[in-house]
Amino acid sequence: MARILEPQLRRALVERVRFCREMGVYDFYRRAAPANLGELAGNASAAVDVVAASVSEPQPGEDMTARKSAVLPAESNFLQIISPNPEDEVSDPATTLRLIREDLGECTRCKLHLHRDKIVFGVGDPHAQLMFVGEGPGADEDAQGEPFVGRAGQLLNNMIKAMGLRREDVYIANIVKCRPPGNRQPERDEADTCSPFLMRQISAVKPKVLVALGATAAKNLLAISAPMTELRGRWYDFKPAGSDASWAGARLAVTYHPAFLLRDPRQKGEAWKDLQMVMKYLGMEPPRKAAE
């Protein structure tokens, strides 16, 4: 039976994997499990040695571009092998999301918890075909514990309504679940810490289409640093590692964040083009009023 890692051991393993990735080493291979996994789970240094021994060193003359774009397969992720997610044996999306929220707990995994009032997990239909992912909670979201409830949220509601849907018909989440101080962009370590929970949410909902709201959301979901003019107007295939094999994954589109549209209303027409692309893929037609 899989063993749950102690916090000290998990932190040690995560730091070792992060260090390897920052050094440009992205390929990990599973080797035979230790004869006594119980001893390993109680010895952080031994466990770290297993991970270190499983990392392939770059070879002379090797092109590292392919390595840096590679995704670590779920089946070779040492952390996942001995520390499964609590929802792994659950098929109902609503129950799965509840278990993920319980696993998140009153999170203190990164420094953002020092500034928050409430964790903003996600909201909407667990069976939604369409999922929106924003950047992070603002002041109103932090106060209410729900994503997109302020001015930007009202605009997002209007965008959803223009598509012929209700807010309750879609699922909405953010890259990070705690408000960054001063509404700044999430820092890399903050987004990386929150990312596993977001990936689990996406895997639970299994949307047909995922819409990244803004450059920050797009950059974190796609691992692409590019201007919005290059990110918009095209489809990306997206499927979190370790997702249900029966799910083909989502098509991902990028559009402007509603907060940006409030600052520059001239771009609302461009955002509507993005949503029309989504609607066409989903086989939807806008309400008559929106179409006019």
C-alpha atoms as a PDB file:
ATOM      1  CA  MET A   1       0.000   0.000   0.000  1.00  0.00           C
ATOM      2  CA  ALA A   2       1.209   3.494  -0.795  1.00  0.00           C
ATOM      3  CA  ARG A   3       2.616   5.397   2.142  1.00  0.00           C
ATOM      4  CA  ILE A   4       1.788   9.026   2.942  1.00  0.00           C
ATOM      5  CA  LEU A   5       4.911  11.133   3.206  1.00  0.00           C
ATOM      6  CA  GLU A   6       5.704  13.067   6.351  1.00  0.00           C
ATOM      7  CA  PRO A   7       5.858  16.858   5.778  1.00  0.00           C
ATOM      8  CA  GLN A   8       9.631  17.011   6.364  1.00  0.00           C
ATOM      9  CA  LEU A   9      10.307  14.266   3.838  1.00  0.00           C
ATOM     10  CA  ARG A  10       7.916  15.761   1.262  1.00  0.00           C
ATOM     11  CA  ARG A  11       9.610  19.184   1.558  1.00  0.00           C
ATOM     12  CA  ALA A  12      13.028  17.601   1.137  1.00  0.00           C
ATOM     13  CA  LEU A  13      11.946  15.752  -1.996  1.00  0.00           C
ATOM     14  CA  VAL A  14      10.218  18.770  -3.489  1.00  0.00           C
ATOM     15  CA  GLU A  15      13.293  20.939  -2.902  1.00  0.00           C
ATOM     16  CA  ARG A  16      15.556  18.342  -4.546  1.00  0.00           C
ATOM     17  CA  VAL A  17      13.324  18.078  -7.618  1.00  0.00           C
ATOM     18  CA  ARG A  18      13.067  21.883  -7.859  1.00  0.00           C
ATOM     19  CA  PHE A  19      16.853  22.186  -7.575  1.00  0.00           C
ATOM     20  CA  CYS A  20      17.359  19.655 -10.385  1.00  0.00           C
ATOM     21  CA  ARG A  21      14.941  21.488 -12.656  1.00  0.00           C
ATOM     22  CA  GLU A  22      16.616  24.845 -11.996  1.00  0.00           C
ATOM     23  CA  MET A  23      19.914  23.209 -12.983  1.00  0.00           C
ATOM     24  CA  GLY A  24      18.374  22.182 -16.306  1.00  0.00           C
ATOM     25  CA  VAL A  25      17.781  18.516 -15.473  1.00  0.00           C
ATOM     26  CA  TYR A  26      14.230  17.554 -16.395  1.00  0.00           C
ATOM     27  CA  ASP A  27      14.273  13.814 -17.039  1.00  0.00           C
ATOM     28  CA  PHE A  28      13.511  11.487 -14.130  1.00  0.00           C
ATOM     29  CA  TYR A  29      13.464   7.716 -14.214  1.00  0.00           C
ATOM     30  CA  ARG A  30      12.044   5.260 -11.720  1.00  0.00           C
ATOM     31  CA  ARG A  31      14.400   2.647 -10.376  1.00  0.00           C
ATOM     32  CA  ALA A  32      13.530  -0.385  -8.275  1.00  0.00           C
ATOM     33  CA  ALA A  33      11.831   0.566  -5.005  1.00  0.00           C
ATOM     34  CA  PRO A  34      13.864   0.036  -1.820  1.00  0.00           C
ATOM     35  CA  ALA A  35      13.341  -3.308  -0.118  1.00  0.00           C
ATOM     36  CA  ASN A  36      11.996  -1.574   2.971  1.00  0.00           C
ATOM     37  CA  LEU A  37       9.923   1.451   1.928  1.00  0.00           C
ATOM     38  CA  GLY A  38       9.022   2.029   5.581  1.00  0.00           C
ATOM     39  CA  GLU A  39      12.651   2.771   6.436  1.00  0.00           C
ATOM     40  CA  LEU A  40      12.867   5.123   3.456  1.00  0.00           C
ATOM     41  CA  ALA A  41       9.747   7.029   4.508  1.00  0.00           C
ATOM     42  CA  GLY A  42      11.321   7.709   7.879  1.00  0.00           C
ATOM     43  CA  ASN A  43      14.665   8.835   6.479  1.00  0.00           C
ATOM     44  CA  ALA A  44      14.552  12.038   4.464  1.00  0.00           C
ATOM     45  CA  SER A  45      18.195  11.919   3.380  1.00  0.00           C
ATOM     46  CA  ALA A  46      17.833   8.370   2.057  1.00  0.00           C
ATOM     47  CA  ALA A  47      14.711   9.281   0.122  1.00  0.00           C
ATOM     48  CA  VAL A  48      16.422  12.290  -1.404  1.00  0.00           C
ATOM     49  CA  ASP A  49      19.307  10.040  -2.461  1.00  0.00           C
ATOM     50  CA  VAL A  50      16.806   7.831  -4.335  1.00  0.00           C
ATOM     51  CA  VAL A  51      15.505  10.838  -6.247  1.00  0.00           C
ATOM     52  CA  ALA A  52      19.005  12.109  -6.939  1.00  0.00           C
ATOM     53  CA  ALA A  53      20.074   8.712  -8.261  1.00  0.00           C
ATOM     54  CA  SER A  54      17.034   8.672 -10.542  1.00  0.00           C
ATOM     55  CA  VAL A  55      17.989  11.907 -12.305  1.00  0.00           C
ATOM     56  CA  SER A  56      19.825  11.572 -15.588  1.00  0.00           C
ATOM     57  CA  GLU A  57      22.733  13.966 -16.043  1.00  0.00           C
ATOM     58  CA  PRO A  58      22.940  15.948 -19.296  1.00  0.00           C
ATOM     59  CA  GLN A  59      25.297  14.409 -21.792  1.00  0.00           C
ATOM     60  CA  PRO A  60      28.032  16.351 -23.630  1.00  0.00           C
ATOM     61  CA  GLY A  61      26.615  18.075 -26.662  1.00  0.00           C
ATOM     62  CA  GLU A  62      23.038  17.195 -25.722  1.00  0.00           C
ATOM     63  CA  ASP A  63      20.355  19.640 -26.868  1.00  0.00           C
ATOM     64  CA  MET A  64      18.671  20.752 -23.643  1.00  0.00           C
ATOM     65  CA  THR A  65      15.737  22.408 -25.416  1.00  0.00           C
ATOM     66  CA  ALA A  66      13.786  19.164 -25.559  1.00  0.00           C
ATOM     67  CA  ARG A  67      14.453  18.522 -21.892  1.00  0.00           C
ATOM     68  CA  LYS A  68      13.208  21.925 -20.828  1.00  0.00           C
ATOM     69  CA  SER A  69       9.949  21.434 -22.700  1.00  0.00           C
ATOM     70  CA  ALA A  70       9.366  17.920 -21.425  1.00  0.00           C
ATOM     71  CA  VAL A  71       6.655  17.107 -18.893  1.00  0.00           C
ATOM     72  CA  LEU A  72       7.539  14.676 -16.134  1.00  0.00           C
ATOM     73  CA  PRO A  73       5.306  11.602 -16.663  1.00  0.00           C
ATOM     74  CA  ALA A  74       2.957  10.937 -13.779  1.00  0.00           C
ATOM     75  CA  GLU A  75       3.952   7.287 -13.526  1.00  0.00           C
ATOM     76  CA  SER A  76       7.610   8.216 -12.970  1.00  0.00           C
ATOM     77  CA  ASN A  77       6.915  10.917 -10.386  1.00  0.00           C
ATOM     78  CA  PHE A  78       8.402   9.571  -7.170  1.00  0.00           C
ATOM     79  CA  LEU A  79       6.214  11.817  -5.039  1.00  0.00           C
ATOM     80  CA  GLN A  80       3.042  10.498  -6.643  1.00  0.00           C
ATOM     81  CA  ILE A  81       4.139   6.871  -6.396  1.00  0.00           C
ATOM     82  CA  ILE A  82       4.358   6.836  -2.598  1.00  0.00           C
ATOM     83  CA  SER A  83       1.977   9.710  -1.831  1.00  0.00           C
ATOM     84  CA  PRO A  84      -1.236   9.301  -3.868  1.00  0.00           C
ATOM     85  CA  ASN A  85      -3.927  11.950  -3.957  1.00  0.00           C
ATOM     86  CA  PRO A  86      -6.955  11.231  -1.742  1.00  0.00           C
ATOM     87  CA  GLU A  87      -9.316  11.503  -4.719  1.00  0.00           C
ATOM     88  CA  ASP A  88      -7.517   8.954  -6.892  1.00  0.00           C
ATOM     89  CA  GLU A  89     -10.158   6.240  -6.369  1.00  0.00           C
ATOM     90  CA  VAL A  90     -13.140   8.611  -6.768  1.00  0.00           C
ATOM     91  CA  SER A  91     -15.010   9.098 -10.052  1.00  0.00           C
ATOM     92  CA  ASP A  92     -17.651  11.683  -9.089  1.00  0.00           C
ATOM     93  CA  PRO A  93     -16.353  15.198  -9.919  1.00  0.00           C
ATOM     94  CA  ALA A  94     -18.197  16.924  -7.059  1.00  0.00           C
ATOM     95  CA  THR A  95     -16.782  14.489  -4.512  1.00  0.00           C
ATOM     96  CA  THR A  96     -13.354  14.766  -6.090  1.00  0.00           C
ATOM     97  CA  LEU A  97     -13.370  18.554  -5.805  1.00  0.00           C
ATOM     98  CA  ARG A  98     -14.464  18.303  -2.165  1.00  0.00           C
ATOM     99  CA  LEU A  99     -11.578  15.951  -1.392  1.00  0.00           C
ATOM    100  CA  ILE A 100      -9.109  18.264  -3.125  1.00  0.00           C
ATOM    101  CA  ARG A 101     -10.411  21.196  -1.071  1.00  0.00           C
ATOM    102  CA  GLU A 102     -10.056  19.166   2.110  1.00  0.00           C
ATOM    103  CA  ASP A 103      -6.513  18.199   1.122  1.00  0.00           C
ATOM    104  CA  LEU A 104      -5.682  21.867   0.527  1.00  0.00           C
ATOM    105  CA  GLY A 105      -6.847  22.642   4.059  1.00  0.00           C
ATOM    106  CA  GLU A 106      -5.973  26.034   5.547  1.00  0.00           C
ATOM    107  CA  CYS A 107      -2.944  26.132   3.280  1.00  0.00           C
ATOM    108  CA  THR A 108       0.326  27.636   4.535  1.00  0.00           C
ATOM    109  CA  ARG A 109       2.511  26.162   1.785  1.00  0.00           C
ATOM    110  CA  CYS A 110       3.698  29.546   0.467  1.00  0.00           C
ATOM    111  CA  LYS A 111       3.962  33.096   1.791  1.00  0.00           C
ATOM    112  CA  LEU A 112       0.659  34.213   0.262  1.00  0.00           C
ATOM    113  CA  HIS A 113      -1.176  32.774   3.257  1.00  0.00           C
ATOM    114  CA  LEU A 114       0.275  35.594   5.333  1.00  0.00           C
ATOM    115  CA  HIS A 115      -1.806  38.144   3.436  1.00  0.00           C
ATOM    116  CA  ARG A 116      -5.103  36.396   2.795  1.00  0.00           C
ATOM    117  CA  ASP A 117      -8.444  36.494   4.541  1.00  0.00           C
ATOM    118  CA  LYS A 118     -10.035  33.494   2.810  1.00  0.00           C
ATOM    119  CA  ILE A 119      -8.807  30.785   0.471  1.00  0.00           C
ATOM    120  CA  VAL A 120     -10.473  31.133  -2.939  1.00  0.00           C
ATOM    121  CA  PHE A 121     -10.728  27.569  -4.212  1.00  0.00           C
ATOM    122  CA  GLY A 122     -13.065  27.533  -7.195  1.00  0.00           C
ATOM    123  CA  VAL A 123     -16.750  27.588  -8.002  1.00  0.00           C
ATOM    124  CA  GLY A 124     -19.193  26.272 -10.569  1.00  0.00           C
ATOM    125  CA  ASP A 125     -20.501  23.114 -12.191  1.00  0.00           C
ATOM    126  CA  PRO A 126     -18.270  20.090 -11.435  1.00  0.00           C
ATOM    127  CA  HIS A 127     -19.404  18.644 -14.797  1.00  0.00           C
ATOM    128  CA  ALA A 128     -18.825  21.861 -16.783  1.00  0.00           C
ATOM    129  CA  GLN A 129     -17.723  21.650 -20.404  1.00  0.00           C
ATOM    130  CA  LEU A 130     -16.182  25.125 -20.088  1.00  0.00           C
ATOM    131  CA  MET A 131     -13.691  26.221 -17.422  1.00  0.00           C
ATOM    132  CA  PHE A 132     -12.149  29.659 -16.896  1.00  0.00           C
ATOM    133  CA  VAL A 133      -8.824  30.173 -15.129  1.00  0.00           C
ATOM    134  CA  GLY A 134      -7.794  33.627 -13.960  1.00  0.00           C
ATOM    135  CA  GLU A 135      -4.715  35.003 -12.243  1.00  0.00           C
ATOM    136  CA  GLY A 136      -5.551  35.303  -8.566  1.00  0.00           C
ATOM    137  CA  PRO A 137      -8.099  36.637  -6.097  1.00  0.00           C
ATOM    138  CA  GLY A 138      -8.607  40.359  -5.550  1.00  0.00           C
ATOM    139  CA  ALA A 139      -9.927  42.162  -2.485  1.00  0.00           C
ATOM    140  CA  ASP A 140     -13.574  41.216  -3.051  1.00  0.00           C
ATOM    141  CA  GLU A 141     -12.696  37.587  -3.759  1.00  0.00           C
ATOM    142  CA  ASP A 142     -10.476  37.445  -0.673  1.00  0.00           C
ATOM    143  CA  ALA A 143     -13.325  38.766   1.462  1.00  0.00           C
ATOM    144  CA  GLN A 144     -15.966  36.397   0.084  1.00  0.00           C
ATOM    145  CA  GLY A 145     -13.856  33.316  -0.668  1.00  0.00           C
ATOM    146  CA  GLU A 146     -15.179  33.013  -4.219  1.00  0.00           C
ATOM    147  CA  PRO A 147     -13.432  33.799  -7.527  1.00  0.00           C
ATOM    148  CA  PHE A 148     -14.492  36.693  -9.747  1.00  0.00           C
ATOM    149  CA  VAL A 149     -17.081  38.452  -7.580  1.00  0.00           C
ATOM    150  CA  GLY A 150     -15.779  42.029  -7.879  1.00  0.00           C
ATOM    151  CA  ARG A 151     -16.005  44.385 -10.857  1.00  0.00           C
ATOM    152  CA  ALA A 152     -13.958  42.038 -13.037  1.00  0.00           C
ATOM    153  CA  GLY A 153     -16.223  39.211 -11.949  1.00  0.00           C
ATOM    154  CA  GLN A 154     -19.319  41.126 -13.006  1.00  0.00           C
ATOM    155  CA  LEU A 155     -17.794  41.624 -16.438  1.00  0.00           C
ATOM    156  CA  LEU A 156     -16.915  37.921 -16.635  1.00  0.00           C
ATOM    157  CA  ASN A 157     -20.527  37.103 -15.744  1.00  0.00           C
ATOM    158  CA  ASN A 158     -21.662  39.318 -18.619  1.00  0.00           C
ATOM    159  CA  MET A 159     -19.233  37.598 -20.978  1.00  0.00           C
ATOM    160  CA  ILE A 160     -20.573  34.205 -19.925  1.00  0.00           C
ATOM    161  CA  LYS A 161     -24.149  35.433 -20.342  1.00  0.00           C
ATOM    162  CA  ALA A 162     -23.339  36.733 -23.841  1.00  0.00           C
ATOM    163  CA  MET A 163     -22.323  33.178 -24.705  1.00  0.00           C
ATOM    164  CA  GLY A 164     -25.772  31.963 -23.714  1.00  0.00           C
ATOM    165  CA  LEU A 165     -24.598  30.433 -20.441  1.00  0.00           C
ATOM    166  CA  ARG A 166     -24.964  31.150 -16.748  1.00  0.00           C
ATOM    167  CA  ARG A 167     -22.143  31.434 -14.240  1.00  0.00           C
ATOM    168  CA  GLU A 168     -23.484  28.221 -12.681  1.00  0.00           C
ATOM    169  CA  ASP A 169     -22.925  26.384 -15.988  1.00  0.00           C
ATOM    170  CA  VAL A 170     -19.141  26.835 -16.016  1.00  0.00           C
ATOM    171  CA  TYR A 171     -16.301  26.251 -13.556  1.00  0.00           C
ATOM    172  CA  ILE A 172     -14.072  29.137 -12.457  1.00  0.00           C
ATOM    173  CA  ALA A 173     -10.704  29.012 -10.694  1.00  0.00           C
ATOM    174  CA  ASN A 174      -7.403  30.899 -10.481  1.00  0.00           C
ATOM    175  CA  ILE A 175      -3.697  30.185 -10.800  1.00  0.00           C
ATOM    176  CA  VAL A 176      -3.282  30.940  -7.072  1.00  0.00           C
ATOM    177  CA  LYS A 177      -5.895  30.600  -4.361  1.00  0.00           C
ATOM    178  CA  CYS A 178      -4.747  33.381  -2.035  1.00  0.00           C
ATOM    179  CA  ARG A 179      -4.702  37.106  -2.791  1.00  0.00           C
ATOM    180  CA  PRO A 180      -1.223  38.441  -3.655  1.00  0.00           C
ATOM    181  CA  PRO A 181      -0.509  41.619  -1.658  1.00  0.00           C
ATOM    182  CA  GLY A 182      -1.371  44.779  -3.558  1.00  0.00           C
ATOM    183  CA  ASN A 183      -2.960  42.651  -6.274  1.00  0.00           C
ATOM    184  CA  ARG A 184       0.483  42.008  -7.752  1.00  0.00           C
ATOM    185  CA  GLN A 185       1.100  39.090 -10.099  1.00  0.00           C
ATOM    186  CA  PRO A 186       1.776  35.748  -8.420  1.00  0.00           C
ATOM    187  CA  GLU A 187       5.471  34.982  -8.120  1.00  0.00           C
ATOM    188  CA  ARG A 188       6.906  31.828  -9.620  1.00  0.00           C
ATOM    189  CA  ASP A 189       7.217  29.887  -6.370  1.00  0.00           C
ATOM    190  CA  GLU A 190       3.668  30.843  -5.389  1.00  0.00           C
ATOM    191  CA  ALA A 191       2.218  29.683  -8.696  1.00  0.00           C
ATOM    192  CA  ASP A 192       4.297  26.496  -8.607  1.00  0.00           C
ATOM    193  CA  THR A 193       3.077  25.696  -5.100  1.00  0.00           C
ATOM    194  CA  CYS A 194      -0.581  26.171  -6.034  1.00  0.00           C
ATOM    195  CA  SER A 195      -0.344  24.541  -9.458  1.00  0.00           C
ATOM    196  CA  PRO A 196      -0.774  20.899  -8.345  1.00  0.00           C
ATOM    197  CA  PHE A 197      -4.146  21.729  -6.785  1.00  0.00           C
ATOM    198  CA  LEU A 198      -5.315  23.584  -9.899  1.00  0.00           C
ATOM    199  CA  MET A 199      -4.210  20.664 -12.096  1.00  0.00           C
ATOM    200  CA  ARG A 200      -6.192  18.315  -9.874  1.00  0.00           C
ATOM    201  CA  GLN A 201      -9.253  20.571 -10.190  1.00  0.00           C
ATOM    202  CA  ILE A 202      -8.957  20.567 -13.972  1.00  0.00           C
ATOM    203  CA  SER A 203      -8.555  16.794 -13.976  1.00  0.00           C
ATOM    204  CA  ALA A 204     -11.658  16.472 -11.788  1.00  0.00           C
ATOM    205  CA  VAL A 205     -13.891  18.693 -13.913  1.00  0.00           C
ATOM    206  CA  LYS A 206     -12.529  17.392 -17.226  1.00  0.00           C
ATOM    207  CA  PRO A 207     -13.719  20.406 -19.237  1.00  0.00           C
ATOM    208  CA  LYS A 208     -13.929  20.240 -22.990  1.00  0.00           C
ATOM    209  CA  VAL A 209     -12.568  23.789 -23.233  1.00  0.00           C
ATOM    210  CA  LEU A 210     -10.294  25.675 -20.856  1.00  0.00           C
ATOM    211  CA  VAL A 211     -10.047  29.475 -21.196  1.00  0.00           C
ATOM    212  CA  ALA A 212      -6.994  31.231 -19.763  1.00  0.00           C
ATOM    213  CA  LEU A 213      -7.956  34.748 -18.707  1.00  0.00           C
ATOM    214  CA  GLY A 214      -4.936  36.973 -19.241  1.00  0.00           C
ATOM    215  CA  ALA A 215      -1.242  36.545 -19.891  1.00  0.00           C
ATOM    216  CA  THR A 216      -0.379  35.364 -16.374  1.00  0.00           C
ATOM    217  CA  ALA A 217      -2.871  32.503 -16.513  1.00  0.00           C
ATOM    218  CA  ALA A 218      -1.751  31.574 -20.032  1.00  0.00           C
ATOM    219  CA  LYS A 219       1.934  31.641 -19.104  1.00  0.00           C
ATOM    220  CA  ASN A 220       1.437  29.392 -16.093  1.00  0.00           C
ATOM    221  CA  LEU A 221      -0.847  26.916 -17.837  1.00  0.00           C
ATOM    222  CA  LEU A 222       1.130  26.679 -21.077  1.00  0.00           C
ATOM    223  CA  ALA A 223       4.657  27.420 -19.809  1.00  0.00           C
ATOM    224  CA  ILE A 224       4.938  29.878 -22.684  1.00  0.00           C
ATOM    225  CA  SER A 225       6.188  33.427 -22.298  1.00  0.00           C
ATOM    226  CA  ALA A 226       4.705  35.356 -25.207  1.00  0.00           C
ATOM    227  CA  PRO A 227       2.609  38.489 -25.760  1.00  0.00           C
ATOM    228  CA  MET A 228      -1.165  38.202 -25.867  1.00  0.00           C
ATOM    229  CA  THR A 229      -1.162  38.989 -29.583  1.00  0.00           C
ATOM    230  CA  GLU A 230       0.667  35.701 -30.170  1.00  0.00           C
ATOM    231  CA  LEU A 231      -1.206  33.632 -27.586  1.00  0.00           C
ATOM    232  CA  ARG A 232      -4.725  34.531 -28.691  1.00  0.00           C
ATOM    233  CA  GLY A 233      -6.652  33.222 -31.685  1.00  0.00           C
ATOM    234  CA  ARG A 234      -5.423  29.638 -31.625  1.00  0.00           C
ATOM    235  CA  TRP A 235      -6.036  26.358 -29.827  1.00  0.00           C
ATOM    236  CA  TYR A 236      -3.691  24.492 -27.507  1.00  0.00           C
ATOM    237  CA  ASP A 237      -4.032  20.896 -26.361  1.00  0.00           C
ATOM    238  CA  PHE A 238      -4.001  20.654 -22.582  1.00  0.00           C
ATOM    239  CA  LYS A 239      -4.101  17.698 -20.213  1.00  0.00           C
ATOM    240  CA  PRO A 240      -2.552  17.649 -16.723  1.00  0.00           C
ATOM    241  CA  ALA A 241      -0.102  14.833 -16.076  1.00  0.00           C
ATOM    242  CA  GLY A 242      -1.694  11.919 -14.267  1.00  0.00           C
ATOM    243  CA  SER A 243      -5.226  12.648 -15.508  1.00  0.00           C
ATOM    244  CA  ASP A 244      -7.736   9.887 -16.183  1.00  0.00           C
ATOM    245  CA  ALA A 245      -6.595   8.023 -19.296  1.00  0.00           C
ATOM    246  CA  SER A 246     -10.178   7.924 -20.567  1.00  0.00           C
ATOM    247  CA  TRP A 247     -10.257  11.732 -20.790  1.00  0.00           C
ATOM    248  CA  ALA A 248      -8.784  13.098 -24.008  1.00  0.00           C
ATOM    249  CA  GLY A 249      -7.925  16.413 -22.377  1.00  0.00           C
ATOM    250  CA  ALA A 250      -9.121  19.958 -23.037  1.00  0.00           C
ATOM    251  CA  ARG A 251      -8.642  22.483 -25.808  1.00  0.00           C
ATOM    252  CA  LEU A 252      -7.222  25.663 -24.319  1.00  0.00           C
ATOM    253  CA  ALA A 253      -7.870  29.178 -25.593  1.00  0.00           C
ATOM    254  CA  VAL A 254      -6.447  32.478 -24.356  1.00  0.00           C
ATOM    255  CA  THR A 255      -8.297  35.766 -24.008  1.00  0.00           C
ATOM    256  CA  TYR A 256      -7.975  39.016 -22.093  1.00  0.00           C
ATOM    257  CA  HIS A 257      -8.553  39.149 -18.360  1.00  0.00           C
ATOM    258  CA  PRO A 258     -11.771  41.002 -17.462  1.00  0.00           C
ATOM    259  CA  ALA A 259      -9.766  43.393 -15.258  1.00  0.00           C
ATOM    260  CA  PHE A 260      -7.734  44.393 -18.326  1.00  0.00           C
ATOM    261  CA  LEU A 261     -10.934  44.916 -20.309  1.00  0.00           C
ATOM    262  CA  LEU A 262     -12.159  47.290 -17.603  1.00  0.00           C
ATOM    263  CA  ARG A 263      -8.997  49.320 -18.081  1.00  0.00           C
ATOM    264  CA  ASP A 264      -9.139  49.165 -21.868  1.00  0.00           C
ATOM    265  CA  PRO A 265     -12.743  48.631 -23.054  1.00  0.00           C
ATOM    266  CA  ARG A 266     -11.573  48.921 -26.674  1.00  0.00           C
ATOM    267  CA  GLN A 267     -10.374  45.310 -26.459  1.00  0.00           C
ATOM    268  CA  LYS A 268     -13.801  43.905 -25.576  1.00  0.00           C
ATOM    269  CA  GLY A 269     -14.462  43.216 -29.258  1.00  0.00           C
ATOM    270  CA  GLU A 270     -11.271  41.161 -29.467  1.00  0.00           C
ATOM    271  CA  ALA A 271     -12.261  39.201 -26.372  1.00  0.00           C
ATOM    272  CA  TRP A 272     -15.650  38.500 -27.944  1.00  0.00           C
ATOM    273  CA  LYS A 273     -13.868  37.046 -30.974  1.00  0.00           C
ATOM    274  CA  ASP A 274     -12.034  34.679 -28.640  1.00  0.00           C
ATOM    275  CA  LEU A 275     -15.279  33.617 -26.993  1.00  0.00           C
ATOM    276  CA  GLN A 276     -16.909  33.091 -30.377  1.00  0.00           C
ATOM    277  CA  MET A 277     -14.068  30.727 -31.252  1.00  0.00           C
ATOM    278  CA  VAL A 278     -14.829  28.804 -28.054  1.00  0.00           C
ATOM    279  CA  MET A 279     -18.548  28.750 -28.807  1.00  0.00           C
ATOM    280  CA  LYS A 280     -17.977  27.441 -32.312  1.00  0.00           C
ATOM    281  CA  TYR A 281     -15.887  24.582 -30.977  1.00  0.00           C
ATOM    282  CA  LEU A 282     -18.573  23.739 -28.388  1.00  0.00           C
ATOM    283  CA  GLY A 283     -21.317  23.932 -31.018  1.00  0.00           C
ATOM    284  CA  MET A 284     -23.011  26.893 -29.325  1.00  0.00           C
ATOM    285  CA  GLU A 285     -24.808  29.854 -30.794  1.00  0.00           C
ATOM    286  CA  PRO A 286     -25.070  33.176 -28.928  1.00  0.00           C
ATOM    287  CA  PRO A 287     -28.451  34.510 -27.803  1.00  0.00           C
ATOM    288  CA  ARG A 288     -30.123  36.720 -30.404  1.00  0.00           C
ATOM    289  CA  LYS A 289     -29.452  39.910 -28.438  1.00  0.00           C
ATOM    290  CA  ALA A 290     -25.734  39.124 -28.096  1.00  0.00           C
ATOM    291  CA  ALA A 291     -25.495  38.176 -31.761  1.00  0.00           C
ATOM    292  CA  GLU A 292     -27.019  41.494 -32.772  1.00  0.00           C
END
